[in-house]
Amino acid sequence: MSYEVKPFILSLKNETTSAELYEPATTKAIYVFAHGAGTNMHHKFMKDLAVELASLQIATLRYNFLYTEQMKKRPDVPAVAHQAVAAAIAKAHALFPTLPLIAGGKSFGGRMTSQYISANPLPYVNGLAFVGFPLHPAGKPGVDRAEHLAAIKIPMLFLQGTNDALATWNLISEVCATFPQATLAAFEGADHSFKAGKKNLIPELAMKIQEWIERYAGINAA
C-alpha cells in the first residue's frame, strides 16, 4: 500500500499540538482520529488502524490532545480538549475541502469529539466514527455520557467490543437503538482495547469504517 506521512502543528487558543496525516495515493475520505485517554497519536493501535485505512483509500489525521503533547498524565478538561478537536477538524477540512470528512476517535477521543460536534455542528463533517465509545466508567454502568448525542443529527458509527468494560453491551445497544442515525458494529468477545484472544481486529475495524462511510457518510460505492 502507498501512503505519505505528513506532520503538522495545530494552533489552539494559547498553545500548539502535534498532528500527523497518513495520506494514500488516492484518497476518498478523511478521518480525524483522536486518541484515547491513556495513549497518544503514536500508539501502535492508532498507527495500525491508520495504515489499514490508507489501504482502503481513507486518509487519517491523528493528533495529540494538549495534555499528551505536554506529557501530562491527567486528561484535559473538555473545554481544552474541544480546542484540539476543533483545530484538527479545521485542518482536515482545509486539506481536503471537497472530500467526505469523518471525525471521531478511540474512547476519550471519540467522546470529546462527539461533545464538540453536539454543541458545534459543522456542515462539512459528514459523520462520526467511535472506536470504543466510553459509555461509562468501568464497573459503573450508566448512560449519562450519551445524553449529548441526542443533539447530533449526522450519521454515527459505534465500533464496540461485546466485552467492553466501559460500555456494557446491553446499554450501548439501547443507546444506539435510540438514535436512527446510529450504526452499531459488534466485535464479539473484544474488550475496550479490541483484544479478543489472538485475533487481529484492525483489518475488520477498518473495513467496517469504510463500508459505513460508503453507505452513510458520503463516498459513492465503487
N, C-alpha and C. Protein backbone atom coordinates (compact mmCIF):
# COMPACT_ATOMS: atom_id res chain seq x y z
N MET A 1 0.85 -1.19 0.00
CA MET A 1 0.00 0.00 0.00
C MET A 1 0.89 1.24 0.00
N SER A 2 0.39 2.30 -0.62
CA SER A 2 1.18 3.52 -0.76
C SER A 2 0.48 4.67 -0.03
N TYR A 3 1.21 5.30 0.89
CA TYR A 3 0.67 6.48 1.56
C TYR A 3 1.84 7.38 1.97
N GLU A 4 1.54 8.65 2.12
CA GLU A 4 2.54 9.63 2.51
C GLU A 4 2.25 10.11 3.92
N VAL A 5 3.30 10.27 4.72
CA VAL A 5 3.16 10.75 6.09
C VAL A 5 3.54 12.22 6.14
N LYS A 6 2.62 13.04 6.66
CA LYS A 6 2.85 14.48 6.72
C LYS A 6 2.60 14.99 8.13
N PRO A 7 3.62 15.54 8.80
CA PRO A 7 3.43 16.10 10.14
C PRO A 7 2.87 17.52 10.07
N PHE A 8 2.10 17.90 11.08
CA PHE A 8 1.55 19.25 11.16
C PHE A 8 1.60 19.73 12.61
N ILE A 9 1.51 21.03 12.77
CA ILE A 9 1.35 21.65 14.08
C ILE A 9 -0.01 22.36 14.06
N LEU A 10 -0.85 22.02 15.03
CA LEU A 10 -2.16 22.63 15.13
C LEU A 10 -2.12 23.76 16.16
N SER A 11 -2.73 24.88 15.82
CA SER A 11 -2.79 26.02 16.74
C SER A 11 -4.08 25.98 17.54
N LEU A 12 -3.94 25.98 18.87
CA LEU A 12 -5.09 26.05 19.76
C LEU A 12 -5.21 27.49 20.25
N LYS A 13 -6.00 27.71 21.28
CA LYS A 13 -6.22 29.07 21.75
C LYS A 13 -4.93 29.74 22.21
N ASN A 14 -4.18 29.06 23.07
CA ASN A 14 -2.94 29.65 23.61
C ASN A 14 -1.74 28.73 23.46
N GLU A 15 -1.92 27.59 22.79
CA GLU A 15 -0.86 26.58 22.70
C GLU A 15 -0.86 25.97 21.31
N THR A 16 0.05 25.04 21.09
CA THR A 16 0.06 24.26 19.85
C THR A 16 0.16 22.78 20.21
N THR A 17 -0.23 21.93 19.27
CA THR A 17 -0.10 20.49 19.47
C THR A 17 0.21 19.83 18.14
N SER A 18 0.70 18.61 18.20
CA SER A 18 1.16 17.90 17.00
C SER A 18 0.05 17.11 16.35
N ALA A 19 0.17 16.95 15.04
CA ALA A 19 -0.74 16.11 14.28
C ALA A 19 0.04 15.42 13.18
N GLU A 20 -0.51 14.34 12.65
CA GLU A 20 0.16 13.59 11.59
C GLU A 20 -0.88 13.02 10.64
N LEU A 21 -0.66 13.27 9.37
CA LEU A 21 -1.56 12.81 8.32
C LEU A 21 -0.98 11.60 7.61
N TYR A 22 -1.79 10.55 7.47
CA TYR A 22 -1.46 9.44 6.58
C TYR A 22 -2.34 9.61 5.35
N GLU A 23 -1.72 9.96 4.23
CA GLU A 23 -2.47 10.26 3.00
C GLU A 23 -2.17 9.23 1.92
N PRO A 24 -3.15 8.40 1.56
CA PRO A 24 -2.93 7.42 0.49
C PRO A 24 -2.81 8.10 -0.86
N ALA A 25 -2.26 7.39 -1.82
CA ALA A 25 -2.06 7.95 -3.16
C ALA A 25 -3.39 8.41 -3.76
N THR A 26 -4.43 7.64 -3.54
CA THR A 26 -5.78 8.03 -3.92
C THR A 26 -6.61 8.11 -2.66
N THR A 27 -7.22 9.26 -2.42
CA THR A 27 -7.95 9.48 -1.18
C THR A 27 -9.42 9.73 -1.46
N LYS A 28 -10.28 8.95 -0.80
CA LYS A 28 -11.72 9.09 -0.99
C LYS A 28 -12.41 9.78 0.18
N ALA A 29 -11.76 9.81 1.34
CA ALA A 29 -12.34 10.42 2.53
C ALA A 29 -11.22 10.69 3.53
N ILE A 30 -11.51 11.55 4.52
CA ILE A 30 -10.55 11.86 5.57
C ILE A 30 -11.20 11.58 6.92
N TYR A 31 -10.47 10.85 7.78
CA TYR A 31 -10.94 10.53 9.12
C TYR A 31 -10.07 11.26 10.13
N VAL A 32 -10.67 12.12 10.94
CA VAL A 32 -9.96 12.83 12.00
C VAL A 32 -10.05 11.96 13.25
N PHE A 33 -8.93 11.38 13.64
CA PHE A 33 -8.89 10.26 14.59
C PHE A 33 -8.17 10.67 15.87
N ALA A 34 -8.93 10.89 16.95
CA ALA A 34 -8.38 11.31 18.23
C ALA A 34 -8.03 10.11 19.10
N HIS A 35 -6.99 10.25 19.90
CA HIS A 35 -6.51 9.13 20.72
C HIS A 35 -7.29 9.00 22.03
N GLY A 36 -7.08 7.87 22.71
CA GLY A 36 -7.70 7.61 24.00
C GLY A 36 -6.97 8.30 25.13
N ALA A 37 -7.55 8.23 26.33
CA ALA A 37 -7.03 8.99 27.48
C ALA A 37 -5.63 8.56 27.90
N GLY A 38 -5.30 7.28 27.79
CA GLY A 38 -4.02 6.80 28.29
C GLY A 38 -2.96 6.61 27.23
N THR A 39 -3.20 7.13 26.03
CA THR A 39 -2.25 6.92 24.93
C THR A 39 -1.93 8.26 24.26
N ASN A 40 -1.41 8.20 23.04
CA ASN A 40 -1.19 9.39 22.24
C ASN A 40 -1.36 9.02 20.77
N MET A 41 -1.13 9.96 19.88
CA MET A 41 -1.40 9.70 18.47
C MET A 41 -0.43 8.69 17.87
N HIS A 42 0.68 8.40 18.56
CA HIS A 42 1.66 7.45 18.04
C HIS A 42 1.46 6.04 18.59
N HIS A 43 0.43 5.81 19.36
CA HIS A 43 0.17 4.47 19.88
C HIS A 43 0.02 3.48 18.73
N LYS A 44 0.51 2.28 18.91
CA LYS A 44 0.50 1.27 17.85
C LYS A 44 -0.90 1.05 17.27
N PHE A 45 -1.90 0.99 18.14
CA PHE A 45 -3.27 0.78 17.67
C PHE A 45 -3.68 1.90 16.72
N MET A 46 -3.36 3.13 17.09
CA MET A 46 -3.71 4.29 16.26
C MET A 46 -3.02 4.22 14.90
N LYS A 47 -1.72 3.92 14.92
CA LYS A 47 -0.97 3.85 13.67
C LYS A 47 -1.42 2.69 12.80
N ASP A 48 -1.63 1.54 13.41
CA ASP A 48 -2.02 0.36 12.64
C ASP A 48 -3.36 0.57 11.95
N LEU A 49 -4.31 1.19 12.65
CA LEU A 49 -5.61 1.44 12.04
C LEU A 49 -5.50 2.48 10.93
N ALA A 50 -4.64 3.48 11.12
CA ALA A 50 -4.43 4.48 10.08
C ALA A 50 -3.83 3.86 8.82
N VAL A 51 -2.88 2.95 9.00
CA VAL A 51 -2.27 2.27 7.85
C VAL A 51 -3.32 1.43 7.13
N GLU A 52 -4.13 0.71 7.88
CA GLU A 52 -5.16 -0.13 7.27
C GLU A 52 -6.19 0.72 6.52
N LEU A 53 -6.55 1.85 7.08
CA LEU A 53 -7.49 2.74 6.40
C LEU A 53 -6.87 3.31 5.12
N ALA A 54 -5.57 3.60 5.16
CA ALA A 54 -4.90 4.10 3.96
C ALA A 54 -4.98 3.08 2.83
N SER A 55 -4.91 1.80 3.17
CA SER A 55 -5.02 0.76 2.15
C SER A 55 -6.42 0.73 1.53
N LEU A 56 -7.38 1.33 2.21
CA LEU A 56 -8.76 1.41 1.72
C LEU A 56 -9.07 2.80 1.17
N GLN A 57 -8.03 3.60 0.94
CA GLN A 57 -8.13 4.93 0.33
C GLN A 57 -8.81 5.95 1.24
N ILE A 58 -8.62 5.77 2.54
CA ILE A 58 -9.13 6.73 3.52
C ILE A 58 -7.93 7.34 4.24
N ALA A 59 -7.77 8.65 4.12
CA ALA A 59 -6.70 9.35 4.83
C ALA A 59 -7.08 9.48 6.31
N THR A 60 -6.06 9.58 7.16
CA THR A 60 -6.29 9.71 8.60
C THR A 60 -5.44 10.83 9.16
N LEU A 61 -6.07 11.77 9.85
CA LEU A 61 -5.35 12.81 10.57
C LEU A 61 -5.44 12.49 12.07
N ARG A 62 -4.33 12.06 12.64
CA ARG A 62 -4.23 11.81 14.07
C ARG A 62 -3.61 13.03 14.73
N TYR A 63 -3.93 13.24 16.01
CA TYR A 63 -3.38 14.41 16.70
C TYR A 63 -3.34 14.16 18.19
N ASN A 64 -2.51 14.96 18.87
CA ASN A 64 -2.41 14.87 20.32
C ASN A 64 -3.32 15.88 20.99
N PHE A 65 -3.96 15.46 22.07
CA PHE A 65 -4.57 16.44 22.94
C PHE A 65 -3.45 17.19 23.66
N LEU A 66 -3.76 18.36 24.19
CA LEU A 66 -2.72 19.21 24.76
C LEU A 66 -2.00 18.55 25.92
N TYR A 67 -2.71 17.86 26.79
CA TYR A 67 -2.06 17.23 27.95
C TYR A 67 -1.05 16.18 27.51
N THR A 68 -1.37 15.47 26.42
CA THR A 68 -0.44 14.47 25.89
C THR A 68 0.78 15.15 25.28
N GLU A 69 0.53 16.21 24.54
CA GLU A 69 1.63 16.96 23.93
C GLU A 69 2.60 17.47 24.98
N GLN A 70 2.06 17.87 26.13
CA GLN A 70 2.88 18.42 27.21
C GLN A 70 3.33 17.35 28.21
N MET A 71 3.06 16.07 27.85
CA MET A 71 3.48 14.92 28.65
C MET A 71 2.94 14.96 30.07
N LYS A 72 1.68 15.36 30.19
CA LYS A 72 1.00 15.33 31.47
C LYS A 72 0.12 14.08 31.53
N LYS A 73 -0.20 13.61 32.71
CA LYS A 73 -0.97 12.38 32.86
C LYS A 73 -2.47 12.63 32.91
N ARG A 74 -2.88 13.73 33.49
CA ARG A 74 -4.31 13.99 33.65
C ARG A 74 -4.90 14.53 32.35
N PRO A 75 -5.95 13.90 31.83
CA PRO A 75 -6.56 14.39 30.58
C PRO A 75 -7.06 15.83 30.72
N ASP A 76 -7.09 16.52 29.60
CA ASP A 76 -7.59 17.89 29.56
C ASP A 76 -9.06 17.94 29.97
N VAL A 77 -9.46 19.05 30.55
CA VAL A 77 -10.89 19.29 30.77
C VAL A 77 -11.54 19.43 29.40
N PRO A 78 -12.84 19.14 29.30
CA PRO A 78 -13.48 19.18 27.97
C PRO A 78 -13.26 20.46 27.18
N ALA A 79 -13.31 21.61 27.83
CA ALA A 79 -13.15 22.87 27.09
C ALA A 79 -11.81 22.94 26.36
N VAL A 80 -10.76 22.41 26.99
CA VAL A 80 -9.44 22.41 26.35
C VAL A 80 -9.36 21.31 25.30
N ALA A 81 -9.88 20.13 25.62
CA ALA A 81 -9.89 19.04 24.64
C ALA A 81 -10.65 19.42 23.38
N HIS A 82 -11.73 20.16 23.55
CA HIS A 82 -12.54 20.57 22.40
C HIS A 82 -11.76 21.50 21.47
N GLN A 83 -10.82 22.27 22.01
CA GLN A 83 -9.99 23.13 21.17
C GLN A 83 -9.16 22.30 20.20
N ALA A 84 -8.61 21.19 20.70
CA ALA A 84 -7.82 20.31 19.83
C ALA A 84 -8.69 19.65 18.78
N VAL A 85 -9.88 19.20 19.18
CA VAL A 85 -10.82 18.61 18.22
C VAL A 85 -11.14 19.61 17.12
N ALA A 86 -11.46 20.84 17.51
CA ALA A 86 -11.82 21.87 16.53
C ALA A 86 -10.68 22.17 15.57
N ALA A 87 -9.46 22.26 16.11
CA ALA A 87 -8.30 22.56 15.27
C ALA A 87 -8.01 21.44 14.29
N ALA A 88 -8.14 20.20 14.74
CA ALA A 88 -7.87 19.05 13.87
C ALA A 88 -8.91 18.96 12.75
N ILE A 89 -10.18 19.15 13.09
CA ILE A 89 -11.22 19.09 12.07
C ILE A 89 -11.04 20.21 11.06
N ALA A 90 -10.71 21.41 11.53
CA ALA A 90 -10.48 22.54 10.62
C ALA A 90 -9.32 22.27 9.68
N LYS A 91 -8.25 21.66 10.21
CA LYS A 91 -7.09 21.34 9.37
C LYS A 91 -7.45 20.31 8.31
N ALA A 92 -8.17 19.27 8.70
CA ALA A 92 -8.56 18.24 7.75
C ALA A 92 -9.44 18.81 6.64
N HIS A 93 -10.35 19.69 7.03
CA HIS A 93 -11.23 20.30 6.02
C HIS A 93 -10.43 21.19 5.07
N ALA A 94 -9.44 21.91 5.60
CA ALA A 94 -8.61 22.76 4.75
C ALA A 94 -7.79 21.92 3.77
N LEU A 95 -7.33 20.75 4.22
CA LEU A 95 -6.54 19.88 3.36
C LEU A 95 -7.38 19.18 2.30
N PHE A 96 -8.61 18.80 2.67
CA PHE A 96 -9.48 18.04 1.77
C PHE A 96 -10.89 18.66 1.74
N PRO A 97 -11.00 19.87 1.19
CA PRO A 97 -12.28 20.60 1.28
C PRO A 97 -13.43 19.96 0.52
N THR A 98 -13.14 19.09 -0.44
CA THR A 98 -14.21 18.51 -1.25
C THR A 98 -14.52 17.05 -0.91
N LEU A 99 -13.77 16.47 0.02
CA LEU A 99 -13.96 15.07 0.35
C LEU A 99 -14.82 14.89 1.61
N PRO A 100 -15.49 13.75 1.74
CA PRO A 100 -16.21 13.46 2.98
C PRO A 100 -15.25 13.49 4.17
N LEU A 101 -15.68 14.15 5.24
CA LEU A 101 -14.86 14.26 6.45
C LEU A 101 -15.60 13.58 7.59
N ILE A 102 -14.92 12.62 8.19
CA ILE A 102 -15.44 11.88 9.32
C ILE A 102 -14.59 12.21 10.54
N ALA A 103 -15.22 12.51 11.65
CA ALA A 103 -14.48 12.81 12.88
C ALA A 103 -14.80 11.73 13.92
N GLY A 104 -13.97 11.66 14.94
CA GLY A 104 -14.20 10.67 15.99
C GLY A 104 -12.91 10.30 16.68
N GLY A 105 -12.86 9.06 17.16
CA GLY A 105 -11.64 8.66 17.83
C GLY A 105 -11.82 7.44 18.70
N LYS A 106 -10.74 7.12 19.37
CA LYS A 106 -10.69 5.98 20.29
C LYS A 106 -11.10 6.46 21.68
N SER A 107 -12.12 5.85 22.25
CA SER A 107 -12.52 6.08 23.64
C SER A 107 -12.68 7.57 23.96
N PHE A 108 -11.84 8.11 24.85
CA PHE A 108 -11.89 9.51 25.25
C PHE A 108 -11.90 10.45 24.04
N GLY A 109 -11.11 10.12 23.03
CA GLY A 109 -11.05 10.97 21.84
C GLY A 109 -12.38 11.04 21.10
N GLY A 110 -13.07 9.91 21.02
CA GLY A 110 -14.38 9.90 20.39
C GLY A 110 -15.40 10.66 21.20
N ARG A 111 -15.33 10.51 22.52
CA ARG A 111 -16.28 11.20 23.39
C ARG A 111 -16.08 12.71 23.32
N MET A 112 -14.84 13.18 23.34
CA MET A 112 -14.58 14.62 23.24
C MET A 112 -15.04 15.16 21.89
N THR A 113 -14.84 14.38 20.84
CA THR A 113 -15.28 14.80 19.51
C THR A 113 -16.79 14.92 19.45
N SER A 114 -17.50 13.94 20.01
CA SER A 114 -18.96 13.99 19.97
C SER A 114 -19.49 15.15 20.80
N GLN A 115 -18.85 15.43 21.92
CA GLN A 115 -19.26 16.58 22.72
C GLN A 115 -19.11 17.88 21.93
N TYR A 116 -17.98 18.00 21.25
CA TYR A 116 -17.74 19.23 20.48
C TYR A 116 -18.75 19.38 19.35
N ILE A 117 -18.98 18.31 18.60
CA ILE A 117 -19.89 18.39 17.46
C ILE A 117 -21.33 18.58 17.92
N SER A 118 -21.69 18.02 19.07
CA SER A 118 -23.07 18.20 19.56
C SER A 118 -23.36 19.68 19.83
N ALA A 119 -22.34 20.43 20.25
CA ALA A 119 -22.51 21.85 20.54
C ALA A 119 -22.13 22.75 19.36
N ASN A 120 -21.38 22.18 18.40
CA ASN A 120 -20.89 22.96 17.27
C ASN A 120 -21.06 22.18 15.97
N PRO A 121 -22.28 21.96 15.51
CA PRO A 121 -22.47 21.20 14.26
C PRO A 121 -21.81 21.93 13.09
N LEU A 122 -21.08 21.17 12.30
CA LEU A 122 -20.35 21.74 11.16
C LEU A 122 -20.87 21.13 9.87
N PRO A 123 -21.19 21.94 8.88
CA PRO A 123 -21.78 21.41 7.65
C PRO A 123 -20.87 20.49 6.86
N TYR A 124 -19.56 20.58 7.08
CA TYR A 124 -18.63 19.76 6.31
C TYR A 124 -18.20 18.49 7.05
N VAL A 125 -18.74 18.24 8.24
CA VAL A 125 -18.49 16.97 8.92
C VAL A 125 -19.63 16.03 8.57
N ASN A 126 -19.30 14.96 7.83
CA ASN A 126 -20.32 14.06 7.29
C ASN A 126 -20.78 12.99 8.27
N GLY A 127 -19.96 12.68 9.27
CA GLY A 127 -20.33 11.63 10.21
C GLY A 127 -19.31 11.53 11.33
N LEU A 128 -19.65 10.74 12.34
CA LEU A 128 -18.77 10.49 13.49
C LEU A 128 -18.56 9.00 13.63
N ALA A 129 -17.31 8.58 13.81
CA ALA A 129 -16.97 7.17 13.98
C ALA A 129 -16.24 6.98 15.30
N PHE A 130 -16.84 6.18 16.19
CA PHE A 130 -16.30 5.95 17.52
C PHE A 130 -15.68 4.55 17.60
N VAL A 131 -14.41 4.49 17.95
CA VAL A 131 -13.72 3.22 18.11
C VAL A 131 -13.69 2.90 19.60
N GLY A 132 -14.77 2.31 20.09
CA GLY A 132 -14.91 2.03 21.50
C GLY A 132 -15.40 3.26 22.26
N PHE A 133 -16.68 3.61 22.12
CA PHE A 133 -17.22 4.77 22.84
C PHE A 133 -17.27 4.44 24.33
N PRO A 134 -16.70 5.30 25.20
CA PRO A 134 -16.68 5.02 26.65
C PRO A 134 -17.98 5.48 27.29
N LEU A 135 -18.98 4.63 27.26
CA LEU A 135 -20.31 4.99 27.72
C LEU A 135 -20.36 5.28 29.23
N HIS A 136 -19.51 4.60 29.98
CA HIS A 136 -19.50 4.76 31.43
C HIS A 136 -18.15 4.31 31.98
N PRO A 137 -17.80 4.71 33.21
CA PRO A 137 -16.57 4.19 33.81
C PRO A 137 -16.69 2.68 34.05
N ALA A 138 -15.56 2.01 34.11
CA ALA A 138 -15.56 0.57 34.37
C ALA A 138 -16.20 0.28 35.72
N GLY A 139 -17.13 -0.66 35.72
CA GLY A 139 -17.80 -1.07 36.95
C GLY A 139 -18.92 -0.15 37.40
N LYS A 140 -19.22 0.88 36.61
CA LYS A 140 -20.28 1.83 36.97
C LYS A 140 -21.21 2.05 35.79
N PRO A 141 -21.98 1.04 35.40
CA PRO A 141 -22.86 1.15 34.23
C PRO A 141 -23.81 2.33 34.32
N GLY A 142 -23.97 3.02 33.20
CA GLY A 142 -24.87 4.17 33.13
C GLY A 142 -24.87 4.72 31.73
N VAL A 143 -25.78 5.64 31.46
CA VAL A 143 -25.89 6.20 30.11
C VAL A 143 -25.80 7.72 30.10
N ASP A 144 -25.40 8.34 31.20
CA ASP A 144 -25.32 9.80 31.26
C ASP A 144 -24.38 10.36 30.19
N ARG A 145 -23.31 9.65 29.88
CA ARG A 145 -22.34 10.15 28.90
C ARG A 145 -22.90 10.17 27.48
N ALA A 146 -24.06 9.59 27.28
CA ALA A 146 -24.66 9.56 25.94
C ALA A 146 -25.70 10.65 25.73
N GLU A 147 -26.02 11.42 26.77
CA GLU A 147 -27.11 12.38 26.66
C GLU A 147 -26.87 13.41 25.56
N HIS A 148 -25.63 13.86 25.40
CA HIS A 148 -25.35 14.89 24.40
C HIS A 148 -25.50 14.38 22.97
N LEU A 149 -25.49 13.07 22.78
CA LEU A 149 -25.59 12.50 21.43
C LEU A 149 -26.93 12.82 20.77
N ALA A 150 -27.94 13.12 21.58
CA ALA A 150 -29.26 13.43 21.04
C ALA A 150 -29.23 14.68 20.15
N ALA A 151 -28.26 15.54 20.36
CA ALA A 151 -28.17 16.78 19.57
C ALA A 151 -27.47 16.57 18.23
N ILE A 152 -26.89 15.40 18.03
CA ILE A 152 -26.14 15.12 16.81
C ILE A 152 -27.07 14.53 15.75
N LYS A 153 -27.11 15.15 14.59
CA LYS A 153 -28.04 14.73 13.54
C LYS A 153 -27.38 14.01 12.38
N ILE A 154 -26.05 13.96 12.36
CA ILE A 154 -25.34 13.29 11.27
C ILE A 154 -25.14 11.81 11.63
N PRO A 155 -24.80 10.96 10.66
CA PRO A 155 -24.60 9.53 10.94
C PRO A 155 -23.49 9.29 11.97
N MET A 156 -23.71 8.30 12.82
CA MET A 156 -22.73 7.92 13.84
C MET A 156 -22.47 6.42 13.76
N LEU A 157 -21.19 6.04 13.79
CA LEU A 157 -20.80 4.64 13.80
C LEU A 157 -20.17 4.30 15.15
N PHE A 158 -20.70 3.27 15.81
CA PHE A 158 -20.16 2.79 17.08
C PHE A 158 -19.53 1.42 16.85
N LEU A 159 -18.21 1.36 16.91
CA LEU A 159 -17.47 0.10 16.83
C LEU A 159 -17.22 -0.34 18.27
N GLN A 160 -17.85 -1.42 18.70
CA GLN A 160 -17.83 -1.78 20.11
C GLN A 160 -17.56 -3.26 20.32
N GLY A 161 -16.67 -3.56 21.27
CA GLY A 161 -16.45 -4.93 21.69
C GLY A 161 -17.57 -5.38 22.62
N THR A 162 -17.98 -6.62 22.50
CA THR A 162 -19.08 -7.11 23.34
C THR A 162 -18.64 -7.31 24.79
N ASN A 163 -17.33 -7.31 25.06
CA ASN A 163 -16.82 -7.43 26.42
C ASN A 163 -16.15 -6.15 26.90
N ASP A 164 -16.61 -5.03 26.38
CA ASP A 164 -16.04 -3.72 26.72
C ASP A 164 -16.51 -3.31 28.11
N ALA A 165 -15.58 -3.17 29.06
CA ALA A 165 -15.93 -2.81 30.44
C ALA A 165 -16.41 -1.36 30.55
N LEU A 166 -16.17 -0.55 29.52
CA LEU A 166 -16.59 0.85 29.54
C LEU A 166 -17.84 1.09 28.71
N ALA A 167 -18.46 0.02 28.25
CA ALA A 167 -19.71 0.13 27.50
C ALA A 167 -20.42 -1.22 27.57
N THR A 168 -21.10 -1.46 28.68
CA THR A 168 -21.83 -2.71 28.84
C THR A 168 -22.72 -2.94 27.63
N TRP A 169 -22.69 -4.15 27.09
CA TRP A 169 -23.29 -4.38 25.78
C TRP A 169 -24.77 -4.04 25.74
N ASN A 170 -25.51 -4.41 26.76
CA ASN A 170 -26.95 -4.12 26.71
C ASN A 170 -27.20 -2.61 26.73
N LEU A 171 -26.35 -1.84 27.42
CA LEU A 171 -26.54 -0.40 27.49
C LEU A 171 -26.16 0.29 26.19
N ILE A 172 -25.03 -0.08 25.60
CA ILE A 172 -24.64 0.56 24.34
C ILE A 172 -25.62 0.19 23.24
N SER A 173 -26.17 -1.02 23.31
CA SER A 173 -27.19 -1.41 22.33
C SER A 173 -28.44 -0.56 22.47
N GLU A 174 -28.87 -0.31 23.72
CA GLU A 174 -30.04 0.52 23.96
C GLU A 174 -29.81 1.95 23.49
N VAL A 175 -28.62 2.49 23.77
CA VAL A 175 -28.29 3.85 23.35
C VAL A 175 -28.35 3.98 21.83
N CYS A 176 -27.71 3.05 21.13
CA CYS A 176 -27.69 3.12 19.67
C CYS A 176 -29.08 2.93 19.06
N ALA A 177 -29.90 2.12 19.70
CA ALA A 177 -31.26 1.91 19.20
C ALA A 177 -32.10 3.17 19.33
N THR A 178 -31.69 4.06 20.22
CA THR A 178 -32.43 5.31 20.44
C THR A 178 -32.28 6.28 19.29
N PHE A 179 -31.15 6.21 18.59
CA PHE A 179 -30.84 7.18 17.55
C PHE A 179 -30.92 6.55 16.16
N PRO A 180 -31.84 7.00 15.31
CA PRO A 180 -31.96 6.41 13.97
C PRO A 180 -30.72 6.62 13.11
N GLN A 181 -29.89 7.61 13.44
CA GLN A 181 -28.68 7.88 12.67
C GLN A 181 -27.47 7.09 13.16
N ALA A 182 -27.68 6.20 14.15
CA ALA A 182 -26.56 5.43 14.71
C ALA A 182 -26.49 4.03 14.12
N THR A 183 -25.26 3.58 13.87
CA THR A 183 -24.98 2.21 13.43
C THR A 183 -24.06 1.57 14.47
N LEU A 184 -24.44 0.41 14.96
CA LEU A 184 -23.64 -0.31 15.96
C LEU A 184 -23.02 -1.54 15.33
N ALA A 185 -21.69 -1.62 15.38
CA ALA A 185 -20.96 -2.78 14.85
C ALA A 185 -20.35 -3.54 16.01
N ALA A 186 -20.75 -4.81 16.18
CA ALA A 186 -20.29 -5.62 17.30
C ALA A 186 -19.03 -6.40 16.95
N PHE A 187 -18.09 -6.42 17.90
CA PHE A 187 -16.87 -7.23 17.77
C PHE A 187 -16.90 -8.24 18.90
N GLU A 188 -17.31 -9.45 18.55
CA GLU A 188 -17.61 -10.49 19.53
C GLU A 188 -16.38 -10.83 20.38
N GLY A 189 -16.56 -10.73 21.70
CA GLY A 189 -15.51 -11.10 22.64
C GLY A 189 -14.44 -10.06 22.85
N ALA A 190 -14.49 -8.94 22.13
CA ALA A 190 -13.44 -7.93 22.23
C ALA A 190 -13.66 -7.03 23.45
N ASP A 191 -12.55 -6.62 24.06
CA ASP A 191 -12.61 -5.70 25.19
C ASP A 191 -12.48 -4.26 24.70
N HIS A 192 -12.25 -3.32 25.62
CA HIS A 192 -12.18 -1.90 25.24
C HIS A 192 -10.99 -1.60 24.34
N SER A 193 -9.95 -2.43 24.42
CA SER A 193 -8.77 -2.26 23.57
C SER A 193 -8.86 -3.06 22.27
N PHE A 194 -10.02 -3.66 22.04
CA PHE A 194 -10.27 -4.52 20.88
C PHE A 194 -9.32 -5.71 20.84
N LYS A 195 -9.12 -6.26 22.01
CA LYS A 195 -8.38 -7.52 22.12
C LYS A 195 -9.39 -8.63 22.32
N ALA A 196 -9.29 -9.66 21.49
CA ALA A 196 -10.18 -10.82 21.58
C ALA A 196 -9.35 -12.05 21.27
N GLY A 197 -8.66 -12.55 22.28
CA GLY A 197 -7.74 -13.65 22.04
C GLY A 197 -6.57 -13.17 21.20
N LYS A 198 -6.16 -14.00 20.23
CA LYS A 198 -5.02 -13.67 19.38
C LYS A 198 -5.44 -13.03 18.06
N LYS A 199 -6.73 -12.83 17.86
CA LYS A 199 -7.21 -12.31 16.59
C LYS A 199 -6.88 -10.82 16.44
N ASN A 200 -6.36 -10.45 15.27
CA ASN A 200 -6.08 -9.05 14.95
C ASN A 200 -7.35 -8.44 14.34
N LEU A 201 -7.96 -7.53 15.07
CA LEU A 201 -9.23 -6.95 14.62
C LEU A 201 -9.05 -5.67 13.81
N ILE A 202 -7.81 -5.19 13.65
CA ILE A 202 -7.58 -3.94 12.93
C ILE A 202 -8.15 -3.97 11.50
N PRO A 203 -7.90 -5.01 10.71
CA PRO A 203 -8.47 -5.01 9.35
C PRO A 203 -9.99 -4.96 9.35
N GLU A 204 -10.61 -5.65 10.28
CA GLU A 204 -12.08 -5.65 10.34
C GLU A 204 -12.60 -4.28 10.77
N LEU A 205 -11.92 -3.63 11.71
CA LEU A 205 -12.31 -2.29 12.11
C LEU A 205 -12.26 -1.33 10.93
N ALA A 206 -11.16 -1.38 10.19
CA ALA A 206 -11.01 -0.50 9.03
C ALA A 206 -12.08 -0.77 7.99
N MET A 207 -12.35 -2.04 7.73
CA MET A 207 -13.36 -2.39 6.75
C MET A 207 -14.75 -1.89 7.15
N LYS A 208 -15.08 -2.01 8.44
CA LYS A 208 -16.37 -1.53 8.93
C LYS A 208 -16.49 -0.02 8.73
N ILE A 209 -15.40 0.70 8.99
CA ILE A 209 -15.41 2.15 8.79
C ILE A 209 -15.62 2.48 7.31
N GLN A 210 -14.88 1.80 6.44
CA GLN A 210 -15.02 2.05 5.02
C GLN A 210 -16.43 1.77 4.53
N GLU A 211 -16.97 0.63 4.91
CA GLU A 211 -18.31 0.25 4.47
C GLU A 211 -19.36 1.25 4.95
N TRP A 212 -19.21 1.70 6.19
CA TRP A 212 -20.15 2.66 6.74
C TRP A 212 -20.06 4.01 6.03
N ILE A 213 -18.85 4.46 5.75
CA ILE A 213 -18.69 5.73 5.02
C ILE A 213 -19.34 5.62 3.64
N GLU A 214 -19.11 4.52 2.98
CA GLU A 214 -19.69 4.35 1.65
C GLU A 214 -21.21 4.35 1.70
N ARG A 215 -21.77 3.79 2.74
CA ARG A 215 -23.23 3.65 2.82
C ARG A 215 -23.92 4.89 3.37
N TYR A 216 -23.28 5.54 4.35
CA TYR A 216 -23.98 6.59 5.08
C TYR A 216 -23.33 7.98 5.02
N ALA A 217 -22.05 8.06 4.76
CA ALA A 217 -21.35 9.32 5.02
C ALA A 217 -20.61 9.91 3.83
N GLY A 218 -21.05 9.61 2.64
CA GLY A 218 -20.60 10.45 1.54
C GLY A 218 -19.78 9.86 0.42
N ILE A 219 -19.25 8.64 0.57
CA ILE A 219 -18.49 8.05 -0.53
C ILE A 219 -19.44 7.21 -1.38
N ASN A 220 -19.42 7.44 -2.66
CA ASN A 220 -20.19 6.56 -3.55
C ASN A 220 -19.47 5.24 -3.69
N ALA A 221 -20.19 4.14 -3.50
CA ALA A 221 -19.58 2.83 -3.61
C ALA A 221 -19.01 2.63 -5.01
N ALA A 222 -17.84 1.99 -5.05
CA ALA A 222 -17.19 1.76 -6.35
C ALA A 222 -17.98 0.77 -7.17
